[in-house]
């Protein structure tokens, strides 16, 4: 039996009520908000709300929204939450694996998702997906939701942050089948599939050095406890050591927060632009940049343009660039093999489900795509 997306949303709302995060009379997320949160169409989120209303879990007031129904706390719908789950997904059909990711986009994540979905189907499993938008509480709720749905295993791309999610650590300690994709947790014994970001950043930095640049800046979100970003900064640093060059720490900006999933539609990007503009004014002789992410590279290019400077004066390299309208890469960049990463993550998870030991660290080869300066 296939688990429909609207059923996932239905169970999510019921669980929010059951665990006290939504109380009687509280407003429930709108069709639009649920569609964005779960990455589904508004038709799907509307159907979920209609089913909740039909079940008496919520009441819908035209022009005002949806609210938790009076008398629902401790009532039949919440008391029999486990019965709701098993009704939706019979035990024999629970060949489900979950994938939790902060966000995905054309430059990175979409191909990863597609390859996981295809590989899961080849193993006769269904992949269900939840975006956390970089919110730690949402990541915890997603884990709880998936466990409640009866998933057999879980693939996670943990959010950026200084602390690991306690729910994720508990699953690892309980030896629940789990694979981390695109990063690893230092000191935590869990199977991880990821790019060698240190070597990739070294490749980018040495590329700039080979073109005669000596003053090279590094731009990134805060790197603390995010293996991907920590390794990219380390690779940038090591490249200078390998080339026998001195590293100017004033050229390292790791306080850019506008591209983090939780800030993607906020005002933090404008703060980042001011930070970068100040840097460019303070260091006018820096003409080369290693950007840890494509969105930071594009933001940098926008700032340079807004200052009336020609982009031809600068060289920007990054990870996971898109192509321009002629199909040429916008920036010289590291191309991660999302297809292989997704396939291997699923294979490692299925192996665990079959009782087979799997290696903790699984590195996926990358390649550097050099922009052709026409």
Protein backbone atom coordinates (compact mmCIF):
# COMPACT_ATOMS: atom_id res chain seq x y z
CA UNK A 1 0.00 0.00 0.00
CA UNK A 2 1.42 3.40 -1.00
CA UNK A 3 1.49 6.11 1.65
CA UNK A 4 0.00 9.28 0.22
CA UNK A 5 1.54 12.67 0.94
CA UNK A 6 -1.68 14.04 2.40
CA UNK A 7 -1.67 11.14 4.89
CA UNK A 8 1.80 12.16 6.07
CA UNK A 9 0.51 15.68 6.74
CA UNK A 10 -2.61 14.28 8.45
CA UNK A 11 -0.51 12.21 10.85
CA UNK A 12 1.90 15.09 11.42
CA UNK A 13 -0.93 17.39 12.61
CA UNK A 14 -2.41 14.65 14.82
CA UNK A 15 1.01 14.09 16.40
CA UNK A 16 1.44 17.82 17.02
CA UNK A 17 -1.86 17.75 18.96
CA UNK A 18 -1.06 14.51 20.75
CA UNK A 19 2.28 15.81 22.02
CA UNK A 20 0.87 19.17 23.10
CA UNK A 21 2.52 21.42 20.54
CA UNK A 22 -0.94 22.27 19.23
CA UNK A 23 -3.71 22.85 21.78
CA UNK A 24 -7.46 23.33 21.59
CA UNK A 25 -8.27 26.51 19.71
CA UNK A 26 -4.75 26.88 18.28
CA UNK A 27 -4.46 27.88 14.65
CA UNK A 28 -3.26 25.11 12.33
CA UNK A 29 -0.89 25.94 9.46
CA UNK A 30 -2.64 27.04 6.28
CA UNK A 31 -2.73 25.14 2.98
CA UNK A 32 0.04 27.40 1.67
CA UNK A 33 2.21 27.00 4.79
CA UNK A 34 1.84 23.20 4.84
CA UNK A 35 2.57 23.00 1.11
CA UNK A 36 5.82 24.92 1.60
CA UNK A 37 6.76 23.00 4.75
CA UNK A 38 6.31 19.57 3.17
CA UNK A 39 7.29 20.52 -0.37
CA UNK A 40 3.93 19.45 -1.81
CA UNK A 41 1.18 21.08 -3.86
CA UNK A 42 -1.61 23.07 -2.26
CA UNK A 43 -4.04 20.47 -3.56
CA UNK A 44 -2.29 17.89 -1.36
CA UNK A 45 -2.22 20.11 1.74
CA UNK A 46 -5.86 21.06 1.18
CA UNK A 47 -6.84 17.39 1.08
CA UNK A 48 -5.02 16.77 4.36
CA UNK A 49 -6.89 19.62 6.05
CA UNK A 50 -10.18 18.38 4.64
CA UNK A 51 -9.54 14.90 6.05
CA UNK A 52 -8.64 16.40 9.44
CA UNK A 53 -11.86 18.40 9.40
CA UNK A 54 -13.90 15.34 8.38
CA UNK A 55 -12.37 13.42 11.30
CA UNK A 56 -13.27 16.19 13.72
CA UNK A 57 -9.64 16.94 14.56
CA UNK A 58 -9.84 20.53 13.32
CA UNK A 59 -12.55 23.02 12.49
CA UNK A 60 -12.24 25.21 9.41
CA UNK A 61 -13.61 28.75 9.51
CA UNK A 62 -14.00 30.38 6.14
CA UNK A 63 -11.84 33.45 5.79
CA UNK A 64 -10.03 32.82 9.08
CA UNK A 65 -8.29 29.45 8.81
CA UNK A 66 -8.18 26.09 10.57
CA UNK A 67 -8.15 25.54 14.34
CA UNK A 68 -7.78 22.56 16.68
CA UNK A 69 -11.29 21.44 17.59
CA UNK A 70 -12.61 21.84 21.12
CA UNK A 71 -12.61 18.64 23.17
CA UNK A 72 -10.07 16.95 20.93
CA UNK A 73 -7.26 16.76 23.50
CA UNK A 74 -7.34 13.25 24.94
CA UNK A 75 -10.19 12.39 22.58
CA UNK A 76 -10.55 9.51 20.19
CA UNK A 77 -8.33 10.96 17.47
CA UNK A 78 -5.35 11.53 19.76
CA UNK A 79 -5.86 8.51 22.02
CA UNK A 80 -5.89 6.21 19.01
CA UNK A 81 -3.03 7.87 17.18
CA UNK A 82 -1.22 4.53 16.82
CA UNK A 83 -4.40 3.03 15.35
CA UNK A 84 -4.54 5.86 12.81
CA UNK A 85 -0.98 5.03 11.73
CA UNK A 86 -1.57 1.33 11.32
CA UNK A 87 -4.81 1.97 9.47
CA UNK A 88 -2.96 4.12 6.96
CA UNK A 89 -0.02 1.73 6.64
CA UNK A 90 -0.67 -1.95 7.28
CA UNK A 91 2.27 -3.76 8.88
CA UNK A 92 2.98 -5.92 5.83
CA UNK A 93 3.24 -2.84 3.61
CA UNK A 94 5.59 -0.76 5.77
CA UNK A 95 8.54 -0.91 3.40
CA UNK A 96 9.29 2.73 4.10
CA UNK A 97 12.57 4.58 4.48
CA UNK A 98 12.78 8.26 5.35
CA UNK A 99 14.95 11.09 4.09
CA UNK A 100 15.30 14.29 6.14
CA UNK A 101 17.09 17.24 4.57
CA UNK A 102 17.32 20.95 5.49
CA UNK A 103 16.52 22.05 1.94
CA UNK A 104 17.23 21.18 -1.66
CA UNK A 105 17.65 23.21 -4.81
CA UNK A 106 18.71 22.92 -8.44
CA UNK A 107 22.38 23.47 -7.59
CA UNK A 108 22.44 20.78 -4.91
CA UNK A 109 19.95 18.35 -3.44
CA UNK A 110 17.45 17.81 -6.22
CA UNK A 111 19.52 15.21 -8.06
CA UNK A 112 20.42 13.63 -4.73
CA UNK A 113 16.73 13.27 -3.94
CA UNK A 114 15.91 11.83 -7.36
CA UNK A 115 18.65 9.23 -7.16
CA UNK A 116 17.56 8.16 -3.67
CA UNK A 117 13.96 7.83 -4.76
CA UNK A 118 14.90 5.74 -7.81
CA UNK A 119 17.30 3.51 -5.85
CA UNK A 120 14.75 2.97 -3.08
CA UNK A 121 12.21 1.79 -5.64
CA UNK A 122 14.78 -0.62 -7.09
CA UNK A 123 15.07 -2.15 -3.61
CA UNK A 124 11.26 -2.27 -3.39
CA UNK A 125 11.13 0.43 -0.70
CA UNK A 126 9.26 3.71 -0.74
CA UNK A 127 11.13 6.88 0.16
CA UNK A 128 9.28 9.53 2.15
CA UNK A 129 10.81 12.99 2.46
CA UNK A 130 10.70 15.86 4.94
CA UNK A 131 12.40 19.24 4.71
CA UNK A 132 13.42 20.87 7.99
CA UNK A 133 14.34 24.32 6.61
CA UNK A 134 17.31 24.30 8.97
CA UNK A 135 15.17 24.22 12.12
CA UNK A 136 16.41 21.89 14.87
CA UNK A 137 12.95 21.40 16.41
CA UNK A 138 11.56 20.61 12.98
CA UNK A 139 14.31 18.05 12.47
CA UNK A 140 13.34 16.39 15.77
CA UNK A 141 9.65 16.41 14.82
CA UNK A 142 10.49 14.91 11.42
CA UNK A 143 12.37 12.06 13.11
CA UNK A 144 9.46 11.46 15.50
CA UNK A 145 6.99 11.53 12.62
CA UNK A 146 8.94 9.03 10.54
CA UNK A 147 9.44 6.66 13.46
CA UNK A 148 5.72 6.91 14.14
CA UNK A 149 5.01 6.03 10.51
CA UNK A 150 6.98 2.83 10.92
CA UNK A 151 9.98 3.53 8.71
CA UNK A 152 12.58 0.77 8.57
CA UNK A 153 15.56 3.08 8.18
CA UNK A 154 16.50 6.74 7.89
CA UNK A 155 18.78 8.88 5.74
CA UNK A 156 19.56 12.33 7.16
CA UNK A 157 21.40 15.43 6.06
CA UNK A 158 21.77 17.08 9.49
CA UNK A 159 21.20 20.81 9.82
CA UNK A 160 24.03 23.30 10.35
CA UNK A 161 24.71 24.05 14.00
CA UNK A 162 26.92 23.86 17.05
CA UNK A 163 25.07 20.94 18.65
CA UNK A 164 23.92 17.57 17.37
CA UNK A 165 20.24 16.67 17.51
CA UNK A 166 19.56 14.51 20.57
CA UNK A 167 16.95 12.47 18.69
CA UNK A 168 19.49 11.67 15.99
CA UNK A 169 22.07 10.62 18.55
CA UNK A 170 19.52 8.44 20.32
CA UNK A 171 18.79 6.59 17.07
CA UNK A 172 22.51 6.01 16.53
CA UNK A 173 22.94 4.69 20.08
CA UNK A 174 19.88 2.46 19.64
CA UNK A 175 21.53 1.06 16.48
CA UNK A 176 18.57 2.09 14.36
CA UNK A 177 19.49 1.76 10.65
CA UNK A 178 20.68 5.23 9.66
CA UNK A 179 22.89 6.86 7.05
CA UNK A 180 24.09 10.47 6.93
CA UNK A 181 24.26 12.04 3.47
CA UNK A 182 26.55 14.93 2.47
CA UNK A 183 28.20 15.15 5.89
CA UNK A 184 29.31 13.20 8.93
CA UNK A 185 29.21 13.74 12.70
CA UNK A 186 32.65 13.89 14.26
CA UNK A 187 33.13 11.25 16.93
CA UNK A 188 29.77 9.61 16.26
CA UNK A 189 29.90 6.02 14.86
CA UNK A 190 27.36 6.23 12.07
CA UNK A 191 27.51 5.37 8.37
CA UNK A 192 28.09 8.52 6.30
CA UNK A 193 28.27 9.17 2.55
CA UNK A 194 29.88 12.43 1.50
CA UNK A 195 32.31 14.32 -0.72
CA UNK A 196 35.92 14.84 0.36
CA UNK A 197 35.27 18.52 0.98
CA UNK A 198 38.79 19.21 2.24
CA UNK A 199 40.37 17.98 -0.98
CA UNK A 200 37.67 19.72 -3.06
CA UNK A 201 38.36 23.10 -1.40
CA UNK A 202 42.09 22.53 -1.84
CA UNK A 203 41.50 21.93 -5.55
CA UNK A 204 39.57 25.19 -5.88
CA UNK A 205 42.12 27.24 -3.91
CA UNK A 206 45.11 25.79 -5.77
CA UNK A 207 43.33 26.54 -9.05
CA UNK A 208 43.25 30.23 -8.08
CA UNK A 209 46.86 30.12 -6.92
CA UNK A 210 47.89 28.56 -10.24
CA UNK A 211 46.36 31.54 -12.00
CA UNK A 212 48.64 33.89 -10.09
CA UNK A 213 46.38 34.93 -7.22
CA UNK A 214 48.10 35.36 -3.86
CA UNK A 215 45.37 37.19 -1.94
CA UNK A 216 42.41 34.85 -1.84
CA UNK A 217 39.40 35.20 0.46
CA UNK A 218 37.15 32.46 1.81
CA UNK A 219 33.41 33.12 2.30
CA UNK A 220 31.13 30.77 4.22
CA UNK A 221 28.36 30.41 6.80
CA UNK A 222 29.55 29.59 10.36
CA UNK A 223 31.40 26.29 10.14
CA UNK A 224 31.15 25.06 13.76
CA UNK A 225 30.12 21.39 13.97
CA UNK A 226 29.14 21.23 10.30
CA UNK A 227 31.61 18.80 8.78
CA UNK A 228 31.01 20.01 5.23
CA UNK A 229 31.90 23.63 6.00
CA UNK A 230 34.70 22.77 8.44
CA UNK A 231 36.38 20.59 5.81
CA UNK A 232 36.04 23.27 3.12
CA UNK A 233 37.71 25.85 5.35
CA UNK A 234 40.43 23.34 6.23
CA UNK A 235 41.06 22.59 2.56
CA UNK A 236 41.37 26.29 1.74
CA UNK A 237 43.88 26.67 4.59
CA UNK A 238 45.91 23.59 3.59
CA UNK A 239 46.25 24.79 0.00
CA UNK A 240 48.31 27.76 1.18
CA UNK A 241 50.52 25.48 3.27
CA UNK A 242 51.09 23.14 0.34
CA UNK A 243 52.08 26.03 -1.89
CA UNK A 244 54.36 27.52 0.77
CA UNK A 245 52.28 30.67 1.03
CA UNK A 246 51.17 32.66 4.04
CA UNK A 247 47.48 32.71 4.93
CA UNK A 248 45.94 36.03 5.92
CA UNK A 249 43.19 35.23 8.43
CA UNK A 250 41.61 38.62 7.73
CA UNK A 251 40.55 37.16 4.40
CA UNK A 252 38.36 34.51 6.07
CA UNK A 253 34.67 35.44 6.47
CA UNK A 254 32.65 32.71 8.16
CA UNK A 255 29.83 34.79 9.62
CA UNK A 256 27.52 34.84 6.58
CA UNK A 257 24.11 33.48 7.61
CA UNK A 258 21.75 34.59 4.85
CA UNK A 259 22.03 31.37 2.84
CA UNK A 260 21.24 29.04 5.76
CA UNK A 261 17.89 27.28 5.09
CA UNK A 262 16.20 28.90 8.11
CA UNK A 263 17.21 32.38 6.88
CA UNK A 264 16.76 31.90 3.15
CA UNK A 265 13.74 34.23 2.88
CA UNK A 266 14.73 36.59 5.70
CA UNK A 267 16.71 39.79 6.02
CA UNK A 268 20.02 38.09 6.90
CA UNK A 269 21.07 38.14 3.24
CA UNK A 270 21.01 41.95 3.28
CA UNK A 271 23.25 41.94 6.36
CA UNK A 272 25.61 39.57 4.52
CA UNK A 273 25.72 41.92 1.53
CA UNK A 274 26.75 44.79 3.80
CA UNK A 275 29.42 42.59 5.40
CA UNK A 276 30.83 41.63 2.01
CA UNK A 277 30.67 45.22 0.74
CA UNK A 278 32.63 46.37 3.79
CA UNK A 279 35.20 43.63 3.16
CA UNK A 280 35.66 44.67 -0.47
CA UNK A 281 36.19 48.28 0.55
CA UNK A 282 38.60 47.29 3.31
CA UNK A 283 40.60 44.91 1.06
CA UNK A 284 40.45 46.36 -2.49
CA UNK A 285 43.44 44.27 -3.57
CA UNK A 286 41.66 40.94 -2.98
CA UNK A 287 40.44 39.76 -6.38
CA UNK A 288 39.93 36.03 -5.85
CA UNK A 289 37.33 34.26 -3.71
CA UNK A 290 36.53 30.72 -2.64
CA UNK A 291 32.82 30.60 -1.80
CA UNK A 292 31.69 27.57 0.19
CA UNK A 293 28.27 27.63 -1.49
CA UNK A 294 26.83 28.67 -4.84
CA UNK A 295 24.37 31.12 -3.24
CA UNK A 296 27.26 32.90 -1.50
CA UNK A 297 29.08 33.13 -4.82
CA UNK A 298 26.05 34.72 -6.50
CA UNK A 299 25.55 37.10 -3.57
CA UNK A 300 29.19 38.16 -3.85
CA UNK A 301 28.77 38.77 -7.58
CA UNK A 302 25.69 40.90 -6.90
CA UNK A 303 27.58 43.02 -4.37
CA UNK A 304 30.49 43.54 -6.77
CA UNK A 305 28.06 44.64 -9.48
CA UNK A 306 26.17 46.96 -7.10
CA UNK A 307 29.45 48.72 -6.28
CA UNK A 308 29.93 49.57 -9.94
CA UNK A 309 32.84 47.19 -10.35
CA UNK A 310 33.35 44.84 -13.27
CA UNK A 311 33.07 41.12 -12.53
CA UNK A 312 35.90 40.62 -15.01
CA UNK A 313 38.27 42.04 -12.36
CA UNK A 314 37.45 39.20 -9.98
CA UNK A 315 37.59 35.42 -9.97
CA UNK A 316 35.02 33.53 -7.93
CA UNK A 317 35.04 29.75 -7.42
CA UNK A 318 32.52 27.76 -5.43
CA UNK A 319 30.74 24.45 -4.87
CA UNK A 320 27.78 23.24 -6.99
CA UNK A 321 27.35 26.00 -9.54
CA UNK A 322 24.45 26.24 -11.98
CA UNK A 323 24.90 26.92 -15.69
CA UNK A 324 24.02 30.12 -17.54
CA UNK A 325 21.43 30.38 -20.33
CA UNK A 326 23.98 29.05 -22.83
CA UNK A 327 24.66 25.96 -20.74
CA UNK A 328 28.06 27.17 -19.52
CA UNK A 329 29.00 27.11 -15.81
CA UNK A 330 28.51 30.46 -14.10
CA UNK A 331 31.54 29.85 -11.87
CA UNK A 332 34.46 27.45 -11.79
CA UNK A 333 33.17 24.97 -9.24
CA UNK A 334 33.28 21.59 -7.56
CA UNK A 335 30.71 19.24 -9.03
CA UNK A 336 29.60 16.72 -6.42
CA UNK A 337 28.33 13.37 -7.68
CA UNK A 338 24.82 13.59 -6.22
CA UNK A 339 23.65 10.56 -8.18
CA UNK A 340 26.28 8.25 -6.74
CA UNK A 341 25.91 9.79 -3.29
CA UNK A 342 22.17 9.14 -3.27
CA UNK A 343 22.49 5.61 -4.61
CA UNK A 344 25.21 4.65 -2.14
CA UNK A 345 23.31 6.15 0.80
CA UNK A 346 20.30 3.97 -0.02
CA UNK A 347 22.49 0.90 -0.62
CA UNK A 348 24.23 1.39 2.74
CA UNK A 349 20.86 1.69 4.48
CA UNK A 350 19.44 -1.42 2.82
CA UNK A 351 22.57 -3.35 3.76
CA UNK A 352 21.98 -2.42 7.41
CA UNK A 353 18.37 -3.57 7.12
CA UNK A 354 19.69 -6.94 5.92
CA UNK A 355 22.02 -7.17 8.91
CA UNK A 356 25.20 -6.47 6.95
CA UNK A 357 27.97 -4.37 8.53
CA UNK A 358 28.76 -1.21 6.55
CA UNK A 359 31.76 1.15 6.64
CA UNK A 360 31.30 4.37 8.59
CA UNK A 361 33.00 6.73 6.15
CA UNK A 362 32.17 6.52 2.43
CA UNK A 363 33.75 9.19 0.24
CA UNK A 364 32.27 10.05 -3.16
CA UNK A 365 34.66 11.37 -5.82
CA UNK A 366 34.16 14.93 -7.07
CA UNK A 367 35.40 16.80 -10.11
CA UNK A 368 36.26 20.43 -10.79
CA UNK A 369 34.44 22.15 -13.64
CA UNK A 370 36.46 25.11 -14.96
CA UNK A 371 34.59 28.08 -16.35
CA UNK A 372 35.55 28.94 -19.91
CA UNK A 373 36.22 32.70 -19.90
CA UNK A 374 34.95 33.63 -23.32
